[in-house]
Amino acid sequence: MCWNPIINMKFTGVVCIAFVIVLLSALAPTKAVFEEKVACIPTELMTCIPALQTGSQPSADCCGKLKEQESCLCGYIQNPLFSQYVTSENAHKVLATCGIPYPTC
């Protein structure tokens, strides 16, 4: 049986494509491994209380902590113990001053 060079090139192309697909699918799950899980610790936001109560300029520490816990804000909004602090008009001002968009939960 004669080996046809055209069929050989097509086969090689299919093998290369299959290899790339397998390689990419094997690498895709590793992205989740490197994502850091944020601990939602509301007491770390104590530095924001003065700004939340008065609408004053938040401290740099407050903004830093809010940015760290940005993914926690919806949980705080849904928690009756913390929602008053996150849904107030002053909270909107503090988040805006810190450059954090108000969450849509």
Protein backbone atom coordinates (compact mmCIF):
# COMPACT_ATOMS: atom_id res chain seq x y z
CA MET A 1 0.00 0.00 0.00
CA CYS A 2 1.33 3.41 -0.99
CA TRP A 3 1.34 6.24 1.56
CA ASN A 4 -0.28 9.32 0.08
CA PRO A 5 1.51 12.58 1.11
CA ILE A 6 -1.77 14.58 0.98
CA ILE A 7 -3.48 12.21 3.39
CA ASN A 8 -0.38 12.28 5.58
CA MET A 9 -0.52 16.13 5.77
CA LYS A 10 -4.24 16.08 6.62
CA PHE A 11 -3.66 13.48 9.32
CA THR A 12 -0.79 15.51 10.78
CA GLY A 13 -3.01 18.63 10.82
CA VAL A 14 -5.80 16.78 12.62
CA VAL A 15 -3.35 15.41 15.18
CA CYS A 16 -1.94 18.91 15.80
CA ILE A 17 -5.42 20.38 16.25
CA ALA A 18 -6.39 17.59 18.62
CA PHE A 19 -3.19 18.12 20.59
CA VAL A 20 -3.90 21.86 20.96
CA ILE A 21 -7.49 21.18 22.11
CA VAL A 22 -6.34 18.66 24.69
CA LEU A 23 -3.59 20.99 25.89
CA LEU A 24 -5.95 23.96 26.26
CA SER A 25 -8.62 21.95 28.02
CA ALA A 26 -6.02 20.58 30.42
CA LEU A 27 -4.79 24.08 31.26
CA ALA A 28 -8.25 25.66 31.69
CA PRO A 29 -8.97 24.24 35.17
CA THR A 30 -5.66 25.55 36.52
CA LYS A 31 -7.01 29.11 36.35
CA ALA A 32 -9.34 28.39 39.28
CA VAL A 33 -6.44 27.10 41.34
CA PHE A 34 -4.70 30.49 41.22
CA GLU A 35 -7.77 32.57 42.09
CA GLU A 36 -7.55 33.74 45.67
CA LYS A 37 -10.60 33.29 47.86
CA VAL A 38 -11.43 36.44 49.81
CA ALA A 39 -12.42 36.03 53.45
CA CYS A 40 -15.47 38.17 54.22
CA ILE A 41 -14.64 39.60 57.63
CA PRO A 42 -16.90 42.57 58.37
CA THR A 43 -14.86 43.64 61.42
CA GLU A 44 -12.00 44.51 59.06
CA LEU A 45 -14.21 47.34 57.77
CA MET A 46 -14.37 49.09 61.17
CA THR A 47 -12.11 51.83 59.81
CA CYS A 48 -14.97 52.76 57.47
CA ILE A 49 -17.54 53.38 60.22
CA PRO A 50 -16.79 57.14 60.65
CA ALA A 51 -17.12 57.75 56.91
CA LEU A 52 -20.26 55.61 56.72
CA GLN A 53 -21.87 57.45 59.63
CA THR A 54 -21.00 61.01 58.61
CA GLY A 55 -20.39 60.83 54.88
CA SER A 56 -16.85 62.14 55.41
CA GLN A 57 -13.80 61.24 53.35
CA PRO A 58 -12.90 57.56 53.91
CA SER A 59 -9.37 56.73 54.97
CA ALA A 60 -6.94 54.99 52.66
CA ASP A 61 -7.13 51.95 54.95
CA CYS A 62 -10.93 51.94 54.61
CA CYS A 63 -10.73 52.04 50.81
CA GLY A 64 -8.11 49.30 50.80
CA LYS A 65 -10.25 47.03 52.96
CA LEU A 66 -13.35 47.75 50.85
CA LYS A 67 -11.45 46.87 47.69
CA GLU A 68 -10.23 43.63 49.29
CA GLN A 69 -13.78 42.70 50.27
CA GLU A 70 -15.59 44.05 47.19
CA SER A 71 -16.85 40.55 46.38
CA CYS A 72 -18.40 40.38 49.87
CA LEU A 73 -20.62 43.45 49.51
CA CYS A 74 -23.68 41.58 48.22
CA GLY A 75 -23.49 39.24 51.19
CA TYR A 76 -23.33 42.23 53.52
CA ILE A 77 -26.31 43.83 51.77
CA GLN A 78 -28.35 40.65 52.23
CA ASN A 79 -27.39 40.31 55.91
CA PRO A 80 -29.76 42.31 58.17
CA LEU A 81 -26.90 42.97 60.61
CA PHE A 82 -24.82 44.81 58.01
CA SER A 83 -27.22 45.97 55.29
CA GLN A 84 -27.85 49.37 56.91
CA TYR A 85 -24.15 50.18 56.56
CA VAL A 86 -23.88 49.13 52.94
CA THR A 87 -27.16 50.47 51.57
CA SER A 88 -27.10 53.96 53.11
CA GLU A 89 -26.55 57.11 51.07
CA ASN A 90 -23.21 57.57 52.83
CA ALA A 91 -22.17 54.05 51.82
CA HIS A 92 -22.79 54.97 48.19
CA LYS A 93 -20.57 58.04 48.65
CA VAL A 94 -17.81 56.06 50.37
CA LEU A 95 -17.79 53.40 47.65
CA ALA A 96 -17.73 56.06 44.93
CA THR A 97 -14.87 57.91 46.65
CA CYS A 98 -12.92 54.66 46.89
CA GLY A 99 -13.55 53.92 43.20
CA ILE A 100 -15.70 50.88 43.90
CA PRO A 101 -18.93 50.50 41.91
CA TYR A 102 -22.03 49.89 43.97
CA PRO A 103 -22.84 46.17 43.57
CA THR A 104 -25.85 44.89 41.67
CA CYS A 105 -26.89 41.82 43.58
